[in-house]
């Protein structure tokens, strides 16, 4: 994630699927001012998985 922040800049918000991932990213997000949103639906992740599945 740090490489992504350095290359693209800070995100305003990160969407995660559950409390566990929010806890993992919590300190980084707190220090950088990035918000965390817990959501059951992650369309970009599903799209990525489907595209990988098509190409295998």
N, C-alpha and C. Protein backbone atom coordinates (compact mmCIF):
# COMPACT_ATOMS: atom_id res chain seq x y z
N UNK A 1 0.82 -1.19 0.00
CA UNK A 1 0.00 0.00 0.00
C UNK A 1 0.86 1.25 0.00
N UNK A 2 2.00 1.18 0.65
CA UNK A 2 2.85 2.36 0.70
C UNK A 2 3.33 2.74 -0.69
N UNK A 3 3.71 1.74 -1.51
CA UNK A 3 4.11 2.03 -2.89
C UNK A 3 2.97 2.69 -3.66
N UNK A 4 1.76 2.20 -3.46
CA UNK A 4 0.61 2.79 -4.13
C UNK A 4 0.43 4.25 -3.69
N UNK A 5 0.56 4.52 -2.39
CA UNK A 5 0.44 5.89 -1.90
C UNK A 5 1.52 6.78 -2.51
N UNK A 6 2.74 6.24 -2.60
CA UNK A 6 3.83 7.04 -3.15
C UNK A 6 3.64 7.32 -4.63
N UNK A 7 3.11 6.34 -5.37
CA UNK A 7 2.93 6.49 -6.81
C UNK A 7 1.68 7.28 -7.19
N UNK A 8 0.60 7.08 -6.46
CA UNK A 8 -0.68 7.68 -6.85
C UNK A 8 -1.19 8.73 -5.87
N UNK A 9 -0.54 8.87 -4.73
CA UNK A 9 -1.02 9.79 -3.71
C UNK A 9 -1.97 9.07 -2.76
N UNK A 10 -2.32 9.76 -1.69
CA UNK A 10 -3.20 9.16 -0.69
C UNK A 10 -4.63 9.06 -1.20
N UNK A 11 -5.27 8.01 -0.82
CA UNK A 11 -6.69 7.84 -1.11
C UNK A 11 -7.48 8.60 -0.06
N UNK A 12 -8.70 8.94 -0.36
CA UNK A 12 -9.52 9.59 0.65
C UNK A 12 -10.21 8.55 1.53
N UNK A 13 -10.40 7.34 0.98
CA UNK A 13 -11.11 6.30 1.70
C UNK A 13 -10.73 4.93 1.17
N UNK A 14 -10.64 3.95 2.06
CA UNK A 14 -10.38 2.57 1.69
C UNK A 14 -11.57 1.74 2.13
N UNK A 15 -12.07 0.91 1.23
CA UNK A 15 -13.19 0.02 1.55
C UNK A 15 -12.63 -1.36 1.85
N UNK A 16 -13.06 -1.92 2.95
CA UNK A 16 -12.65 -3.27 3.35
C UNK A 16 -13.88 -4.10 3.65
N UNK A 17 -13.70 -5.40 3.70
CA UNK A 17 -14.84 -6.30 3.86
C UNK A 17 -15.23 -6.54 5.31
N UNK A 18 -14.26 -6.44 6.25
CA UNK A 18 -14.61 -6.80 7.62
C UNK A 18 -13.76 -6.04 8.64
N UNK A 19 -14.13 -6.22 9.91
CA UNK A 19 -13.44 -5.55 11.02
C UNK A 19 -11.97 -5.96 11.11
N UNK A 20 -11.68 -7.20 10.78
CA UNK A 20 -10.30 -7.68 10.86
C UNK A 20 -9.39 -6.88 9.94
N UNK A 21 -9.80 -6.70 8.69
CA UNK A 21 -8.98 -5.94 7.74
C UNK A 21 -8.92 -4.47 8.16
N UNK A 22 -10.01 -3.95 8.69
CA UNK A 22 -10.01 -2.57 9.17
C UNK A 22 -8.99 -2.40 10.30
N UNK A 23 -8.91 -3.39 11.18
CA UNK A 23 -7.94 -3.33 12.28
C UNK A 23 -6.51 -3.40 11.76
N UNK A 24 -6.29 -4.23 10.73
CA UNK A 24 -4.95 -4.35 10.15
C UNK A 24 -4.50 -3.03 9.55
N UNK A 25 -5.40 -2.34 8.87
CA UNK A 25 -5.05 -1.07 8.20
C UNK A 25 -5.27 0.15 9.08
N UNK A 26 -5.85 -0.05 10.25
CA UNK A 26 -6.25 1.06 11.10
C UNK A 26 -5.15 2.04 11.43
N UNK A 27 -4.00 1.57 11.86
CA UNK A 27 -2.91 2.47 12.25
C UNK A 27 -2.40 3.29 11.07
N UNK A 28 -2.21 2.63 9.94
CA UNK A 28 -1.76 3.33 8.74
C UNK A 28 -2.76 4.41 8.34
N UNK A 29 -4.03 4.06 8.35
CA UNK A 29 -5.06 5.02 7.95
C UNK A 29 -5.17 6.17 8.94
N UNK A 30 -5.04 5.87 10.20
CA UNK A 30 -5.11 6.92 11.22
C UNK A 30 -3.96 7.92 11.04
N UNK A 31 -2.78 7.40 10.77
CA UNK A 31 -1.60 8.26 10.62
C UNK A 31 -1.63 9.07 9.33
N UNK A 32 -2.30 8.56 8.29
CA UNK A 32 -2.32 9.25 7.01
C UNK A 32 -3.61 10.03 6.77
N UNK A 33 -4.60 9.86 7.66
CA UNK A 33 -5.87 10.58 7.50
C UNK A 33 -6.81 9.95 6.49
N UNK A 34 -6.54 8.70 6.11
CA UNK A 34 -7.39 7.99 5.16
C UNK A 34 -8.53 7.32 5.94
N UNK A 35 -9.75 7.48 5.48
CA UNK A 35 -10.90 6.87 6.14
C UNK A 35 -11.01 5.40 5.73
N UNK A 36 -11.58 4.60 6.62
CA UNK A 36 -11.85 3.18 6.34
C UNK A 36 -13.36 2.99 6.37
N UNK A 37 -13.88 2.32 5.35
CA UNK A 37 -15.30 1.99 5.31
C UNK A 37 -15.44 0.47 5.19
N UNK A 38 -16.22 -0.11 6.08
CA UNK A 38 -16.48 -1.55 6.02
C UNK A 38 -17.74 -1.76 5.19
N UNK A 39 -17.62 -2.61 4.16
CA UNK A 39 -18.73 -2.87 3.26
C UNK A 39 -18.70 -4.33 2.82
N UNK A 40 -19.86 -4.89 2.58
CA UNK A 40 -19.93 -6.28 2.13
C UNK A 40 -19.68 -6.42 0.65
N UNK A 41 -19.77 -5.34 -0.09
CA UNK A 41 -19.64 -5.39 -1.55
C UNK A 41 -18.40 -4.61 -1.97
N UNK A 42 -17.51 -5.29 -2.69
CA UNK A 42 -16.29 -4.68 -3.21
C UNK A 42 -16.24 -4.89 -4.71
N UNK A 43 -16.96 -4.06 -5.49
CA UNK A 43 -17.09 -4.29 -6.93
C UNK A 43 -15.76 -4.37 -7.67
N UNK A 44 -14.79 -3.56 -7.32
CA UNK A 44 -13.51 -3.59 -8.03
C UNK A 44 -12.79 -4.92 -7.82
N UNK A 45 -12.88 -5.46 -6.61
CA UNK A 45 -12.25 -6.75 -6.32
C UNK A 45 -12.94 -7.85 -7.12
N UNK A 46 -14.28 -7.83 -7.13
CA UNK A 46 -15.02 -8.84 -7.88
C UNK A 46 -14.71 -8.76 -9.38
N UNK A 47 -14.60 -7.55 -9.91
CA UNK A 47 -14.26 -7.37 -11.32
C UNK A 47 -12.88 -7.95 -11.61
N UNK A 48 -11.92 -7.64 -10.77
CA UNK A 48 -10.56 -8.13 -10.93
C UNK A 48 -10.52 -9.66 -10.92
N UNK A 49 -11.21 -10.27 -9.98
CA UNK A 49 -11.25 -11.73 -9.88
C UNK A 49 -11.87 -12.33 -11.12
N UNK A 50 -12.98 -11.76 -11.59
CA UNK A 50 -13.63 -12.27 -12.79
C UNK A 50 -12.75 -12.15 -14.01
N UNK A 51 -12.03 -11.05 -14.14
CA UNK A 51 -11.12 -10.87 -15.27
C UNK A 51 -9.98 -11.88 -15.23
N UNK A 52 -9.46 -12.13 -14.04
CA UNK A 52 -8.39 -13.13 -13.91
C UNK A 52 -8.92 -14.51 -14.30
N UNK A 53 -10.13 -14.81 -13.86
CA UNK A 53 -10.75 -16.10 -14.16
C UNK A 53 -10.93 -16.29 -15.67
N UNK A 54 -11.31 -15.24 -16.38
CA UNK A 54 -11.49 -15.30 -17.83
C UNK A 54 -10.17 -15.58 -18.56
N UNK A 55 -9.09 -15.06 -18.03
CA UNK A 55 -7.80 -15.16 -18.69
C UNK A 55 -7.00 -16.41 -18.31
N UNK A 56 -7.55 -17.26 -17.49
CA UNK A 56 -6.81 -18.46 -17.07
C UNK A 56 -7.20 -19.65 -17.91
